[in-house]
Amino acid sequence: MYAVIQTGGKQYRVSEGDVIKVNRLKGNPGDPIEFNHVVMLENNGQLRVRQSEVKSIKVTGKIMGAIQGKKIRVFRYRRRKNTMRTKGSRPQYTTVSIEKILTA
């Protein structure tokens, strides 16, 4: 059984026991978290995709901690203008352990 959840503008395929890395969420390590926006559920070969069918499904998990991703470099160059600029950032992620997929 697996579900597709949406958080932070991205979709993740999760099943019980998975550890995923999502965009930064509020909370401390050990806090429970609940994902209400489920896009799809697969259970024993049956897909539930309709909004009326997946509206009552919830995915629960626990926050494991916060991490930083690899540095992203953005380079801007204007030809024949002698202009170059480099910017960088490190995205913030939260690791979440998926505990249960609750179906109604």
PDB file of N, CA and C in Angstrom:
ATOM      1  N   MET A   1       0.844  -1.165   0.000  1.00  0.00           N
ATOM      2  CA  MET A   1       0.000   0.000   0.000  1.00  0.00           C
ATOM      3  C   MET A   1       0.891   1.230   0.000  1.00  0.00           C
ATOM      4  N   TYR A   2       0.583   2.178  -0.873  1.00  0.00           N
ATOM      5  CA  TYR A   2       1.307   3.437  -0.887  1.00  0.00           C
ATOM      6  C   TYR A   2       0.341   4.564  -1.202  1.00  0.00           C
ATOM      7  N   ALA A   3       0.786   5.771  -0.882  1.00  0.00           N
ATOM      8  CA  ALA A   3      -0.018   6.960  -1.136  1.00  0.00           C
ATOM      9  C   ALA A   3       0.870   8.017  -1.770  1.00  0.00           C
ATOM     10  N   VAL A   4       0.239   8.922  -2.489  1.00  0.00           N
ATOM     11  CA  VAL A   4       0.932  10.078  -3.043  1.00  0.00           C
ATOM     12  C   VAL A   4       0.398  11.296  -2.304  1.00  0.00           C
ATOM     13  N   ILE A   5       1.302  11.983  -1.588  1.00  0.00           N
ATOM     14  CA  ILE A   5       0.906  13.160  -0.818  1.00  0.00           C
ATOM     15  C   ILE A   5       1.500  14.398  -1.457  1.00  0.00           C
ATOM     16  N   GLN A   6       0.916  15.547  -1.135  1.00  0.00           N
ATOM     17  CA  GLN A   6       1.422  16.808  -1.646  1.00  0.00           C
ATOM     18  C   GLN A   6       1.721  17.732  -0.473  1.00  0.00           C
ATOM     19  N   THR A   7       2.959  18.252  -0.456  1.00  0.00           N
ATOM     20  CA  THR A   7       3.358  19.215   0.562  1.00  0.00           C
ATOM     21  C   THR A   7       4.448  20.088  -0.022  1.00  0.00           C
ATOM     22  N   GLY A   8       4.374  21.361   0.266  1.00  0.00           N
ATOM     23  CA  GLY A   8       5.382  22.285  -0.231  1.00  0.00           C
ATOM     24  C   GLY A   8       5.383  22.423  -1.737  1.00  0.00           C
ATOM     25  N   GLY A   9       4.249  22.182  -2.386  1.00  0.00           N
ATOM     26  CA  GLY A   9       4.163  22.305  -3.825  1.00  0.00           C
ATOM     27  C   GLY A   9       4.730  21.121  -4.585  1.00  0.00           C
ATOM     28  N   LYS A  10       5.113  20.063  -3.886  1.00  0.00           N
ATOM     29  CA  LYS A  10       5.668  18.878  -4.527  1.00  0.00           C
ATOM     30  C   LYS A  10       4.894  17.651  -4.090  1.00  0.00           C
ATOM     31  N   GLN A  11       4.966  16.600  -4.889  1.00  0.00           N
ATOM     32  CA  GLN A  11       4.278  15.360  -4.569  1.00  0.00           C
ATOM     33  C   GLN A  11       5.296  14.275  -4.253  1.00  0.00           C
ATOM     34  N   TYR A  12       4.969  13.435  -3.267  1.00  0.00           N
ATOM     35  CA  TYR A  12       5.854  12.374  -2.819  1.00  0.00           C
ATOM     36  C   TYR A  12       5.080  11.070  -2.734  1.00  0.00           C
ATOM     37  N   ARG A  13       5.693   9.994  -3.238  1.00  0.00           N
ATOM     38  CA  ARG A  13       5.109   8.665  -3.098  1.00  0.00           C
ATOM     39  C   ARG A  13       5.657   8.065  -1.810  1.00  0.00           C
ATOM     40  N   VAL A  14       4.757   7.729  -0.874  1.00  0.00           N
ATOM     41  CA  VAL A  14       5.181   7.244   0.434  1.00  0.00           C
ATOM     42  C   VAL A  14       4.449   5.964   0.782  1.00  0.00           C
ATOM     43  N   SER A  15       5.096   5.154   1.598  1.00  0.00           N
ATOM     44  CA  SER A  15       4.459   3.995   2.209  1.00  0.00           C
ATOM     45  C   SER A  15       4.929   3.953   3.661  1.00  0.00           C
ATOM     46  N   GLU A  16       4.333   3.097   4.454  1.00  0.00           N
ATOM     47  CA  GLU A  16       4.653   3.044   5.876  1.00  0.00           C
ATOM     48  C   GLU A  16       6.110   2.646   6.072  1.00  0.00           C
ATOM     49  N   GLY A  17       6.793   3.380   6.936  1.00  0.00           N
ATOM     50  CA  GLY A  17       8.194   3.097   7.221  1.00  0.00           C
ATOM     51  C   GLY A  17       9.178   3.906   6.389  1.00  0.00           C
ATOM     52  N   ASP A  18       8.711   4.652   5.403  1.00  0.00           N
ATOM     53  CA  ASP A  18       9.604   5.458   4.575  1.00  0.00           C
ATOM     54  C   ASP A  18      10.089   6.685   5.336  1.00  0.00           C
ATOM     55  N   VAL A  19      11.273   7.152   4.965  1.00  0.00           N
ATOM     56  CA  VAL A  19      11.810   8.411   5.465  1.00  0.00           C
ATOM     57  C   VAL A  19      11.984   9.312   4.253  1.00  0.00           C
ATOM     58  N   ILE A  20      11.295  10.463   4.260  1.00  0.00           N
ATOM     59  CA  ILE A  20      11.349  11.364   3.120  1.00  0.00           C
ATOM     60  C   ILE A  20      11.930  12.705   3.527  1.00  0.00           C
ATOM     61  N   LYS A  21      12.411  13.441   2.541  1.00  0.00           N
ATOM     62  CA  LYS A  21      12.983  14.759   2.746  1.00  0.00           C
ATOM     63  C   LYS A  21      12.073  15.756   2.047  1.00  0.00           C
ATOM     64  N   VAL A  22      11.415  16.634   2.826  1.00  0.00           N
ATOM     65  CA  VAL A  22      10.471  17.604   2.278  1.00  0.00           C
ATOM     66  C   VAL A  22      10.968  19.009   2.583  1.00  0.00           C
ATOM     67  N   ASN A  23      10.343  19.995   1.931  1.00  0.00           N
ATOM     68  CA  ASN A  23      10.689  21.381   2.235  1.00  0.00           C
ATOM     69  C   ASN A  23      10.453  21.672   3.708  1.00  0.00           C
ATOM     70  N   ARG A  24      11.143  22.638   4.248  1.00  0.00           N
ATOM     71  CA  ARG A  24      11.155  22.931   5.673  1.00  0.00           C
ATOM     72  C   ARG A  24       9.744  23.073   6.250  1.00  0.00           C
ATOM     73  N   LEU A  25       9.483  22.337   7.325  1.00  0.00           N
ATOM     74  CA  LEU A  25       8.203  22.387   8.033  1.00  0.00           C
ATOM     75  C   LEU A  25       8.434  22.879   9.453  1.00  0.00           C
ATOM     76  N   LYS A  26       7.421  23.488  10.029  1.00  0.00           N
ATOM     77  CA  LYS A  26       7.519  23.935  11.417  1.00  0.00           C
ATOM     78  C   LYS A  26       7.380  22.740  12.337  1.00  0.00           C
ATOM     79  N   GLY A  27       8.149  22.741  13.401  1.00  0.00           N
ATOM     80  CA  GLY A  27       8.075  21.660  14.366  1.00  0.00           C
ATOM     81  C   GLY A  27       9.449  21.231  14.824  1.00  0.00           C
ATOM     82  N   ASN A  28       9.473  20.531  15.932  1.00  0.00           N
ATOM     83  CA  ASN A  28      10.721  20.042  16.510  1.00  0.00           C
ATOM     84  C   ASN A  28      10.859  18.546  16.248  1.00  0.00           C
ATOM     85  N   PRO A  29      12.086  18.029  16.329  1.00  0.00           N
ATOM     86  CA  PRO A  29      12.250  16.580  16.165  1.00  0.00           C
ATOM     87  C   PRO A  29      11.422  15.813  17.189  1.00  0.00           C
ATOM     88  N   GLY A  30      10.715  14.797  16.720  1.00  0.00           N
ATOM     89  CA  GLY A  30       9.847  14.003  17.581  1.00  0.00           C
ATOM     90  C   GLY A  30       8.390  14.418  17.536  1.00  0.00           C
ATOM     91  N   ASP A  31       8.096  15.592  17.000  1.00  0.00           N
ATOM     92  CA  ASP A  31       6.709  16.049  16.906  1.00  0.00           C
ATOM     93  C   ASP A  31       5.953  15.254  15.847  1.00  0.00           C
ATOM     94  N   PRO A  32       4.690  14.934  16.101  1.00  0.00           N
ATOM     95  CA  PRO A  32       3.895  14.251  15.067  1.00  0.00           C
ATOM     96  C   PRO A  32       3.458  15.247  13.996  1.00  0.00           C
ATOM     97  N   ILE A  33       3.254  14.743  12.800  1.00  0.00           N
ATOM     98  CA  ILE A  33       2.805  15.583  11.692  1.00  0.00           C
ATOM     99  C   ILE A  33       1.779  14.798  10.889  1.00  0.00           C
ATOM    100  N   GLU A  34       0.826  15.511  10.316  1.00  0.00           N
ATOM    101  CA  GLU A  34      -0.245  14.872   9.562  1.00  0.00           C
ATOM    102  C   GLU A  34      -0.369  15.544   8.200  1.00  0.00           C
ATOM    103  N   PHE A  35      -0.363  14.725   7.152  1.00  0.00           N
ATOM    104  CA  PHE A  35      -0.528  15.218   5.788  1.00  0.00           C
ATOM    105  C   PHE A  35      -1.960  14.915   5.357  1.00  0.00           C
ATOM    106  N   ASN A  36      -2.748  15.977   5.146  1.00  0.00           N
ATOM    107  CA  ASN A  36      -4.155  15.812   4.785  1.00  0.00           C
ATOM    108  C   ASN A  36      -4.372  15.809   3.278  1.00  0.00           C
ATOM    109  N   HIS A  37      -3.448  16.383   2.535  1.00  0.00           N
ATOM    110  CA  HIS A  37      -3.627  16.499   1.092  1.00  0.00           C
ATOM    111  C   HIS A  37      -3.058  15.264   0.399  1.00  0.00           C
ATOM    112  N   VAL A  38      -3.901  14.227   0.284  1.00  0.00           N
ATOM    113  CA  VAL A  38      -3.523  12.981  -0.376  1.00  0.00           C
ATOM    114  C   VAL A  38      -4.067  13.033  -1.798  1.00  0.00           C
ATOM    115  N   VAL A  39      -3.219  12.760  -2.769  1.00  0.00           N
ATOM    116  CA  VAL A  39      -3.605  12.829  -4.177  1.00  0.00           C
ATOM    117  C   VAL A  39      -4.088  11.476  -4.677  1.00  0.00           C
ATOM    118  N   MET A  40      -3.444  10.385  -4.217  1.00  0.00           N
ATOM    119  CA  MET A  40      -3.772   9.058  -4.717  1.00  0.00           C
ATOM    120  C   MET A  40      -3.452   8.024  -3.649  1.00  0.00           C
ATOM    121  N   LEU A  41      -4.190   6.907  -3.667  1.00  0.00           N
ATOM    122  CA  LEU A  41      -3.933   5.794  -2.768  1.00  0.00           C
ATOM    123  C   LEU A  41      -4.010   4.497  -3.561  1.00  0.00           C
ATOM    124  N   GLU A  42      -3.008   3.628  -3.377  1.00  0.00           N
ATOM    125  CA  GLU A  42      -3.009   2.308  -3.994  1.00  0.00           C
ATOM    126  C   GLU A  42      -3.065   1.293  -2.866  1.00  0.00           C
ATOM    127  N   ASN A  43      -4.063   0.413  -2.921  1.00  0.00           N
ATOM    128  CA  ASN A  43      -4.244  -0.603  -1.896  1.00  0.00           C
ATOM    129  C   ASN A  43      -4.629  -1.911  -2.571  1.00  0.00           C
ATOM    130  N   ASN A  44      -3.736  -2.897  -2.529  1.00  0.00           N
ATOM    131  CA  ASN A  44      -3.963  -4.214  -3.133  1.00  0.00           C
ATOM    132  C   ASN A  44      -4.340  -4.117  -4.609  1.00  0.00           C
ATOM    133  N   GLY A  45      -3.650  -3.280  -5.345  1.00  0.00           N
ATOM    134  CA  GLY A  45      -3.890  -3.162  -6.776  1.00  0.00           C
ATOM    135  C   GLY A  45      -5.024  -2.250  -7.160  1.00  0.00           C
ATOM    136  N   GLN A  46      -5.765  -1.714  -6.210  1.00  0.00           N
ATOM    137  CA  GLN A  46      -6.859  -0.800  -6.507  1.00  0.00           C
ATOM    138  C   GLN A  46      -6.395   0.634  -6.289  1.00  0.00           C
ATOM    139  N   LEU A  47      -6.611   1.469  -7.292  1.00  0.00           N
ATOM    140  CA  LEU A  47      -6.235   2.878  -7.199  1.00  0.00           C
ATOM    141  C   LEU A  47      -7.445   3.702  -6.804  1.00  0.00           C
ATOM    142  N   ARG A  48      -7.235   4.614  -5.871  1.00  0.00           N
ATOM    143  CA  ARG A  48      -8.268   5.568  -5.477  1.00  0.00           C
ATOM    144  C   ARG A  48      -7.715   6.947  -5.794  1.00  0.00           C
ATOM    145  N   VAL A  49      -8.311   7.585  -6.804  1.00  0.00           N
ATOM    146  CA  VAL A  49      -7.785   8.848  -7.293  1.00  0.00           C
ATOM    147  C   VAL A  49      -8.784   9.984  -7.155  1.00  0.00           C
ATOM    148  N   ARG A  50     -10.068   9.676  -7.230  1.00  0.00           N
ATOM    149  CA  ARG A  50     -11.079  10.726  -7.172  1.00  0.00           C
ATOM    150  C   ARG A  50     -10.994  11.522  -5.880  1.00  0.00           C
ATOM    151  N   GLN A  51     -11.277  12.793  -5.993  1.00  0.00           N
ATOM    152  CA  GLN A  51     -11.170  13.667  -4.830  1.00  0.00           C
ATOM    153  C   GLN A  51     -12.142  13.246  -3.726  1.00  0.00           C
ATOM    154  N   SER A  52     -13.311  12.755  -4.083  1.00  0.00           N
ATOM    155  CA  SER A  52     -14.272  12.330  -3.068  1.00  0.00           C
ATOM    156  C   SER A  52     -13.803  11.068  -2.346  1.00  0.00           C
ATOM    157  N   GLU A  53     -12.990  10.229  -3.018  1.00  0.00           N
ATOM    158  CA  GLU A  53     -12.507   8.996  -2.397  1.00  0.00           C
ATOM    159  C   GLU A  53     -11.300   9.231  -1.486  1.00  0.00           C
ATOM    160  N   VAL A  54     -10.431  10.150  -1.853  1.00  0.00           N
ATOM    161  CA  VAL A  54      -9.200  10.351  -1.081  1.00  0.00           C
ATOM    162  C   VAL A  54      -9.315  11.492  -0.070  1.00  0.00           C
ATOM    163  N   LYS A  55     -10.481  12.118   0.007  1.00  0.00           N
ATOM    164  CA  LYS A  55     -10.650  13.259   0.913  1.00  0.00           C
ATOM    165  C   LYS A  55     -10.498  12.859   2.381  1.00  0.00           C
ATOM    166  N   SER A  56     -10.890  11.652   2.725  1.00  0.00           N
ATOM    167  CA  SER A  56     -10.863  11.224   4.129  1.00  0.00           C
ATOM    168  C   SER A  56      -9.567  10.490   4.512  1.00  0.00           C
ATOM    169  N   ILE A  57      -8.627  10.342   3.585  1.00  0.00           N
ATOM    170  CA  ILE A  57      -7.381   9.623   3.862  1.00  0.00           C
ATOM    171  C   ILE A  57      -6.361  10.585   4.451  1.00  0.00           C
ATOM    172  N   LYS A  58      -5.638  10.113   5.464  1.00  0.00           N
ATOM    173  CA  LYS A  58      -4.605  10.923   6.109  1.00  0.00           C
ATOM    174  C   LYS A  58      -3.341  10.103   6.237  1.00  0.00           C
ATOM    175  N   VAL A  59      -2.216  10.771   6.133  1.00  0.00           N
ATOM    176  CA  VAL A  59      -0.914  10.137   6.303  1.00  0.00           C
ATOM    177  C   VAL A  59      -0.260  10.795   7.516  1.00  0.00           C
ATOM    178  N   THR A  60       0.129   9.972   8.499  1.00  0.00           N
ATOM    179  CA  THR A  60       0.755  10.506   9.702  1.00  0.00           C
ATOM    180  C   THR A  60       2.224  10.122   9.729  1.00  0.00           C
ATOM    181  N   GLY A  61       2.998  10.960  10.382  1.00  0.00           N
ATOM    182  CA  GLY A  61       4.430  10.707  10.485  1.00  0.00           C
ATOM    183  C   GLY A  61       5.025  11.430  11.672  1.00  0.00           C
ATOM    184  N   LYS A  62       6.329  11.356  11.764  1.00  0.00           N
ATOM    185  CA  LYS A  62       7.048  12.002  12.853  1.00  0.00           C
ATOM    186  C   LYS A  62       8.238  12.751  12.270  1.00  0.00           C
ATOM    187  N   ILE A  63       8.470  13.971  12.762  1.00  0.00           N
ATOM    188  CA  ILE A  63       9.597  14.775  12.300  1.00  0.00           C
ATOM    189  C   ILE A  63      10.876  14.200  12.893  1.00  0.00           C
ATOM    190  N   MET A  64      11.832  13.891  12.010  1.00  0.00           N
ATOM    191  CA  MET A  64      13.110  13.342  12.456  1.00  0.00           C
ATOM    192  C   MET A  64      14.136  14.438  12.732  1.00  0.00           C
ATOM    193  N   GLY A  65      14.135  15.481  11.922  1.00  0.00           N
ATOM    194  CA  GLY A  65      15.097  16.556  12.120  1.00  0.00           C
ATOM    195  C   GLY A  65      15.133  17.469  10.907  1.00  0.00           C
ATOM    196  N   ALA A  66      16.010  18.476  10.986  1.00  0.00           N
ATOM    197  CA  ALA A  66      16.166  19.437   9.904  1.00  0.00           C
ATOM    198  C   ALA A  66      17.574  19.300   9.330  1.00  0.00           C
ATOM    199  N   ILE A  67      17.673  19.382   8.004  1.00  0.00           N
ATOM    200  CA  ILE A  67      18.965  19.287   7.342  1.00  0.00           C
ATOM    201  C   ILE A  67      19.060  20.364   6.270  1.00  0.00           C
ATOM    202  N   GLN A  68      20.276  20.597   5.791  1.00  0.00           N
ATOM    203  CA  GLN A  68      20.498  21.516   4.691  1.00  0.00           C
ATOM    204  C   GLN A  68      20.882  20.720   3.457  1.00  0.00           C
ATOM    205  N   GLY A  69      20.403  21.163   2.311  1.00  0.00           N
ATOM    206  CA  GLY A  69      20.736  20.503   1.060  1.00  0.00           C
ATOM    207  C   GLY A  69      22.060  21.003   0.517  1.00  0.00           C
ATOM    208  N   LYS A  70      22.432  20.493  -0.640  1.00  0.00           N
ATOM    209  CA  LYS A  70      23.655  20.932  -1.294  1.00  0.00           C
ATOM    210  C   LYS A  70      23.499  22.370  -1.768  1.00  0.00           C
ATOM    211  N   LYS A  71      24.625  23.060  -1.878  1.00  0.00           N
ATOM    212  CA  LYS A  71      24.595  24.447  -2.301  1.00  0.00           C
ATOM    213  C   LYS A  71      24.165  24.538  -3.760  1.00  0.00           C
ATOM    214  N   ILE A  72      23.257  25.473  -4.012  1.00  0.00           N
ATOM    215  CA  ILE A  72      22.791  25.748  -5.360  1.00  0.00           C
ATOM    216  C   ILE A  72      23.461  27.040  -5.803  1.00  0.00           C
ATOM    217  N   ARG A  73      24.147  26.991  -6.923  1.00  0.00           N
ATOM    218  CA  ARG A  73      24.839  28.168  -7.447  1.00  0.00           C
ATOM    219  C   ARG A  73      24.065  28.720  -8.640  1.00  0.00           C
ATOM    220  N   VAL A  74      23.877  30.040  -8.633  1.00  0.00           N
ATOM    221  CA  VAL A  74      23.230  30.736  -9.727  1.00  0.00           C
ATOM    222  C   VAL A  74      24.261  31.700 -10.295  1.00  0.00           C
ATOM    223  N   PHE A  75      24.552  31.571 -11.572  1.00  0.00           N
ATOM    224  CA  PHE A  75      25.563  32.396 -12.225  1.00  0.00           C
ATOM    225  C   PHE A  75      24.889  33.251 -13.279  1.00  0.00           C
ATOM    226  N   ARG A  76      25.121  34.554 -13.201  1.00  0.00           N
ATOM    227  CA  ARG A  76      24.526  35.476 -14.164  1.00  0.00           C
ATOM    228  C   ARG A  76      25.660  36.152 -14.924  1.00  0.00           C
ATOM    229  N   TYR A  77      25.531  36.178 -16.235  1.00  0.00           N
ATOM    230  CA  TYR A  77      26.573  36.707 -17.082  1.00  0.00           C
ATOM    231  C   TYR A  77      25.937  37.516 -18.200  1.00  0.00           C
ATOM    232  N   ARG A  78      26.445  38.708 -18.423  1.00  0.00           N
ATOM    233  CA  ARG A  78      25.982  39.529 -19.542  1.00  0.00           C
ATOM    234  C   ARG A  78      27.140  39.682 -20.515  1.00  0.00           C
ATOM    235  N   ARG A  79      26.954  39.178 -21.684  1.00  0.00           N
ATOM    236  CA  ARG A  79      28.047  39.206 -22.643  1.00  0.00           C
ATOM    237  C   ARG A  79      28.356  40.635 -23.094  1.00  0.00           C
ATOM    238  N   ARG A  80      29.600  40.861 -23.330  1.00  0.00           N
ATOM    239  CA  ARG A  80      30.137  42.145 -23.793  1.00  0.00           C
ATOM    240  C   ARG A  80      29.900  43.280 -22.814  1.00  0.00           C
ATOM    241  N   LYS A  81      29.527  43.028 -21.596  1.00  0.00           N
ATOM    242  CA  LYS A  81      29.279  44.075 -20.600  1.00  0.00           C
ATOM    243  C   LYS A  81      30.253  43.983 -19.435  1.00  0.00           C
ATOM    244  N   ASN A  82      31.119  42.958 -19.445  1.00  0.00           N
ATOM    245  CA  ASN A  82      32.077  42.750 -18.361  1.00  0.00           C
ATOM    246  C   ASN A  82      31.367  42.632 -17.014  1.00  0.00           C
ATOM    247  N   THR A  83      30.235  41.911 -17.000  1.00  0.00           N
ATOM    248  CA  THR A  83      29.440  41.745 -15.788  1.00  0.00           C
ATOM    249  C   THR A  83      29.236  40.267 -15.510  1.00  0.00           C
ATOM    250  N   MET A  84      29.639  39.838 -14.328  1.00  0.00           N
ATOM    251  CA  MET A  84      29.405  38.472 -13.875  1.00  0.00           C
ATOM    252  C   MET A  84      28.992  38.535 -12.409  1.00  0.00           C
ATOM    253  N   ARG A  85      28.050  37.689 -12.034  1.00  0.00           N
ATOM    254  CA  ARG A  85      27.619  37.656 -10.642  1.00  0.00           C
ATOM    255  C   ARG A  85      27.296  36.217 -10.265  1.00  0.00           C
ATOM    256  N   THR A  86      27.779  35.775  -9.129  1.00  0.00           N
ATOM    257  CA  THR A  86      27.496  34.440  -8.623  1.00  0.00           C
ATOM    258  C   THR A  86      26.758  34.568  -7.304  1.00  0.00           C
ATOM    259  N   LYS A  87      25.638  33.882  -7.202  1.00  0.00           N
ATOM    260  CA  LYS A  87      24.882  33.821  -5.953  1.00  0.00           C
ATOM    261  C   LYS A  87      24.721  32.362  -5.589  1.00  0.00           C
ATOM    262  N   GLY A  88      24.505  32.096  -4.322  1.00  0.00           N
ATOM    263  CA  GLY A  88      24.306  30.725  -3.897  1.00  0.00           C
ATOM    264  C   GLY A  88      23.391  30.654  -2.690  1.00  0.00           C
ATOM    265  N   SER A  89      22.815  29.489  -2.498  1.00  0.00           N
ATOM    266  CA  SER A  89      21.964  29.266  -1.332  1.00  0.00           C
ATOM    267  C   SER A  89      21.948  27.780  -1.023  1.00  0.00           C
ATOM    268  N   ARG A  90      21.594  27.456   0.197  1.00  0.00           N
ATOM    269  CA  ARG A  90      21.435  26.055   0.601  1.00  0.00           C
ATOM    270  C   ARG A  90      20.005  25.867   1.065  1.00  0.00           C
ATOM    271  N   PRO A  91      19.226  25.041   0.370  1.00  0.00           N
ATOM    272  CA  PRO A  91      17.825  24.848   0.754  1.00  0.00           C
ATOM    273  C   PRO A  91      17.710  24.107   2.083  1.00  0.00           C
ATOM    274  N   GLN A  92      16.666  24.450   2.824  1.00  0.00           N
ATOM    275  CA  GLN A  92      16.384  23.841   4.120  1.00  0.00           C
ATOM    276  C   GLN A  92      15.369  22.721   3.942  1.00  0.00           C
ATOM    277  N   TYR A  93      15.655  21.546   4.494  1.00  0.00           N
ATOM    278  CA  TYR A  93      14.766  20.399   4.391  1.00  0.00           C
ATOM    279  C   TYR A  93      14.433  19.868   5.787  1.00  0.00           C
ATOM    280  N   THR A  94      13.320  19.164   5.867  1.00  0.00           N
ATOM    281  CA  THR A  94      12.921  18.448   7.073  1.00  0.00           C
ATOM    282  C   THR A  94      12.783  16.975   6.703  1.00  0.00           C
ATOM    283  N   THR A  95      13.392  16.101   7.496  1.00  0.00           N
ATOM    284  CA  THR A  95      13.218  14.671   7.264  1.00  0.00           C
ATOM    285  C   THR A  95      12.037  14.185   8.090  1.00  0.00           C
ATOM    286  N   VAL A  96      11.167  13.423   7.445  1.00  0.00           N
ATOM    287  CA  VAL A  96       9.937  12.944   8.069  1.00  0.00           C
ATOM    288  C   VAL A  96       9.876  11.430   7.908  1.00  0.00           C
ATOM    289  N   SER A  97       9.587  10.740   9.006  1.00  0.00           N
ATOM    290  CA  SER A  97       9.380   9.302   8.978  1.00  0.00           C
ATOM    291  C   SER A  97       7.880   9.029   8.891  1.00  0.00           C
ATOM    292  N   ILE A  98       7.462   8.312   7.874  1.00  0.00           N
ATOM    293  CA  ILE A  98       6.037   8.016   7.666  1.00  0.00           C
ATOM    294  C   ILE A  98       5.659   6.829   8.555  1.00  0.00           C
ATOM    295  N   GLU A  99       4.644   7.024   9.400  1.00  0.00           N
ATOM    296  CA  GLU A  99       4.249   5.973  10.327  1.00  0.00           C
ATOM    297  C   GLU A  99       3.031   5.186   9.848  1.00  0.00           C
ATOM    298  N   LYS A 100       1.944   5.894   9.485  1.00  0.00           N
ATOM    299  CA  LYS A 100       0.711   5.193   9.102  1.00  0.00           C
ATOM    300  C   LYS A 100       0.012   5.920   7.974  1.00  0.00           C
ATOM    301  N   ILE A 101      -0.714   5.136   7.181  1.00  0.00           N
ATOM    302  CA  ILE A 101      -1.632   5.664   6.179  1.00  0.00           C
ATOM    303  C   ILE A 101      -3.028   5.272   6.656  1.00  0.00           C
ATOM    304  N   LEU A 102      -3.777   6.263   7.096  1.00  0.00           N
ATOM    305  CA  LEU A 102      -5.102   6.023   7.678  1.00  0.00           C
ATOM    306  C   LEU A 102      -6.176   6.150   6.608  1.00  0.00           C
ATOM    307  N   THR A 103      -6.865   5.057   6.330  1.00  0.00           N
ATOM    308  CA  THR A 103      -7.970   5.084   5.367  1.00  0.00           C
ATOM    309  C   THR A 103      -9.284   4.988   6.115  1.00  0.00           C
ATOM    310  N   ALA A 104     -10.308   5.536   5.522  1.00  0.00           N
ATOM    311  CA  ALA A 104     -11.622   5.520   6.166  1.00  0.00           C
ATOM    312  C   ALA A 104     -12.467   4.377   5.650  1.00  0.00           C
TER     313      ALA A 104
END
